[in-house]
Protein backbone atom coordinates (compact mmCIF):
# COMPACT_ATOMS: atom_id res chain seq x y z
CA MET A 1 49.97 159.09 261.88
CA ILE A 2 52.19 162.13 262.27
CA GLU A 3 51.19 164.59 264.98
CA LEU A 4 52.59 167.91 266.09
CA ARG A 5 52.86 168.86 269.76
CA ASP A 6 54.82 171.16 272.03
CA ALA A 7 58.26 169.82 272.86
CA THR A 8 58.99 168.55 276.35
CA GLU A 9 62.15 167.85 278.31
CA ALA A 10 61.88 164.19 277.28
CA ASP A 11 62.20 165.21 273.60
CA LEU A 12 65.57 166.90 274.05
CA PRO A 13 67.79 163.87 273.25
CA ASP A 14 66.02 163.44 269.90
CA ILE A 15 66.10 167.19 269.18
CA LEU A 16 69.82 167.11 269.97
CA ALA A 17 70.39 164.11 267.69
CA ILE A 18 68.60 165.80 264.76
CA THR A 19 70.52 169.03 265.38
CA ASN A 20 73.91 167.34 265.57
CA ASP A 21 73.22 165.23 262.49
CA ALA A 22 72.41 168.41 260.53
CA ILE A 23 75.60 170.03 261.82
CA ALA A 24 77.73 167.02 260.85
CA THR A 25 76.22 166.18 257.47
CA SER A 26 74.60 169.26 255.95
CA GLU A 27 74.95 172.96 255.27
CA ALA A 28 71.58 173.66 256.90
CA ILE A 29 73.22 174.75 260.17
CA TRP A 30 76.41 176.74 259.77
CA ALA A 31 77.84 175.44 263.04
CA THR A 32 80.76 173.05 262.87
CA SER A 33 80.87 171.64 266.40
CA PRO A 34 78.15 169.47 267.96
CA ARG A 35 75.78 170.93 270.52
CA THR A 36 75.37 169.49 274.00
CA LEU A 37 72.23 168.39 275.75
CA GLU A 38 72.63 171.26 278.21
CA GLU A 39 72.83 173.80 275.35
CA ARG A 40 69.67 172.40 273.76
CA ARG A 41 67.94 172.41 277.16
CA ASP A 42 68.86 176.08 277.73
CA TRP A 43 67.74 176.94 274.19
CA MET A 44 64.35 175.25 274.64
CA HIS A 45 63.71 176.71 278.08
CA ASP A 46 64.66 180.19 276.88
CA ARG A 47 62.30 179.95 273.90
CA GLN A 48 59.42 178.59 275.96
CA ALA A 49 59.92 181.20 278.73
CA LYS A 50 59.52 183.92 276.09
CA ASN A 51 56.36 182.27 274.67
CA PHE A 52 58.10 181.22 271.48
CA PRO A 53 57.11 177.78 270.16
CA VAL A 54 59.21 174.65 270.18
CA VAL A 55 57.22 171.98 268.35
CA VAL A 56 58.02 168.36 267.54
CA ALA A 57 56.61 166.09 264.85
CA VAL A 58 55.96 162.65 266.29
CA GLU A 59 54.88 159.30 264.94
CA GLY A 60 54.21 156.89 267.75
CA ASP A 61 57.19 157.26 270.05
CA ASP A 62 59.51 158.62 267.35
CA ILE A 63 60.49 162.28 267.06
CA LEU A 64 60.74 162.95 263.31
CA GLY A 65 61.56 166.65 263.39
CA PHE A 66 61.22 169.91 265.25
CA ALA A 67 60.64 173.59 264.63
CA SER A 68 60.90 176.81 266.56
CA TYR A 69 61.23 180.52 266.16
CA GLY A 70 62.82 183.27 268.17
CA PRO A 71 64.06 186.83 267.88
CA PHE A 72 65.42 187.94 264.50
CA ARG A 73 67.62 190.70 265.95
CA VAL A 74 67.98 192.15 269.47
CA TYR A 75 66.86 195.74 268.87
CA GLU A 76 63.32 196.80 269.79
CA GLY A 77 62.47 197.73 266.20
CA TYR A 78 62.62 194.04 265.29
CA ALA A 79 60.17 192.97 268.03
CA GLN A 80 57.56 191.75 265.53
CA THR A 81 60.04 189.94 263.30
CA VAL A 82 61.03 186.38 264.20
CA GLU A 83 63.37 183.85 262.63
CA HIS A 84 62.35 180.22 262.41
CA SER A 85 64.15 176.90 262.13
CA VAL A 86 62.71 173.65 260.81
CA TYR A 87 64.67 170.40 260.95
CA VAL A 88 63.55 166.91 259.95
CA SER A 89 65.42 163.71 260.76
CA ARG A 90 67.28 162.38 257.71
CA ASN A 91 65.28 159.13 257.76
CA ALA A 92 61.97 161.03 257.79
CA GLN A 93 62.58 163.54 255.00
CA ARG A 94 60.36 163.85 251.92
CA ARG A 95 57.23 162.85 253.83
CA GLY A 96 55.70 166.33 254.21
CA ILE A 97 56.92 166.76 257.80
CA GLY A 98 58.87 169.92 257.02
CA ARG A 99 55.74 171.49 255.57
CA LEU A 100 53.67 170.53 258.64
CA LEU A 101 56.26 172.08 260.93
CA LEU A 102 56.65 175.20 258.78
CA ASP A 103 52.88 175.68 258.64
CA ALA A 104 52.77 175.41 262.45
CA MET A 105 55.38 178.19 262.73
CA VAL A 106 53.40 180.37 260.28
CA CYS A 107 50.18 179.82 262.23
CA HIS A 108 51.79 180.51 265.61
CA ALA A 109 53.59 183.64 264.39
CA GLU A 110 50.46 185.07 262.83
CA LYS A 111 48.29 184.35 265.89
CA SER A 112 50.98 185.85 268.14
CA GLY A 113 50.86 189.16 266.31
CA MET A 114 54.17 188.87 264.53
CA HIS A 115 54.58 190.91 261.35
CA VAL A 116 57.37 188.96 259.59
CA LEU A 117 58.53 185.35 259.80
CA VAL A 118 62.05 184.87 258.40
CA GLY A 119 64.06 181.80 257.46
CA ALA A 120 67.79 182.03 256.74
CA ILE A 121 68.58 179.34 254.15
CA THR A 122 71.76 178.26 252.41
CA ALA A 123 71.26 179.38 248.81
CA SER A 124 72.13 175.92 247.47
CA ASN A 125 69.37 174.28 249.58
CA THR A 126 66.85 174.18 246.75
CA ALA A 127 64.49 171.84 248.60
CA SER A 128 64.10 174.24 251.53
CA ILE A 129 63.70 177.23 249.21
CA ALA A 130 60.98 175.37 247.27
CA LEU A 131 59.25 174.40 250.53
CA HIS A 132 59.18 178.02 251.65
CA ARG A 133 57.93 179.28 248.27
CA ALA A 134 55.11 176.71 248.41
CA ALA A 135 54.20 178.01 251.89
CA GLY A 136 53.82 181.58 250.64
CA PHE A 137 57.28 182.93 251.47
CA SER A 138 59.15 185.43 249.29
CA GLU A 139 62.91 185.44 248.95
CA SER A 140 65.69 187.96 249.11
CA THR A 141 68.54 188.27 246.68
CA PRO A 142 71.25 185.83 247.74
CA LEU A 143 73.91 187.34 249.97
CA PRO A 144 77.23 185.98 248.69
CA GLN A 145 79.79 184.18 250.80
CA MET A 146 78.18 184.95 254.16
CA GLY A 147 79.69 181.93 255.90
CA ARG A 148 81.95 178.92 255.55
CA LYS A 149 81.41 175.25 256.12
CA PHE A 150 83.08 172.10 254.80
CA GLY A 151 85.89 174.25 253.37
CA ARG A 152 83.78 176.40 251.10
CA TRP A 153 81.95 179.71 251.14
CA LEU A 154 78.16 179.60 251.44
CA ASP A 155 75.63 182.07 250.10
CA LEU A 156 72.58 182.99 252.19
CA VAL A 157 68.96 183.61 251.18
CA PHE A 158 66.39 185.10 253.50
CA MET A 159 62.89 183.73 252.93
CA TYR A 160 60.18 185.82 254.55
CA ARG A 161 56.45 185.88 255.02
CA LEU A 162 54.61 189.07 255.87
CA PHE A 163 51.45 189.11 257.95
CA GLU A 164 48.84 191.84 258.35
CA SER A 165 50.13 194.93 260.13
CA HIS A 166 49.62 194.98 263.86
């Protein structure tokens, strides 16, 4: 049975492996160089220190995916807008894990008094766009050629979910 729980230090090697696999094999993360364990550790500790979630999906002893959110932009006016990330291990995709993790981010953001939850998605990632639509997100007009990876320009779509005003 798949369960969600807060990430711990012991989960970092698996979180790193999922991150680096997405960097190496997909357009989901627009980074081109692998991350280090220390970078992932700093990222997780920073998120948790600011009361932002870092959640893992587990089945037995296996980490199948993770999700988090953090600041959308640095200026004070964006304080109630957060940007999320959801990543599922390649061997665990198409099992509903992404939806479980996304729903956890929606729930946490709403309970925390956020006003907008944003996901920045490569426009060609139709599976992620469909997942977000199914979870009640709206989408922006694609922003053309916002980044490059694998020798080609990538378009960007912002998917967003509004919560009640706070």
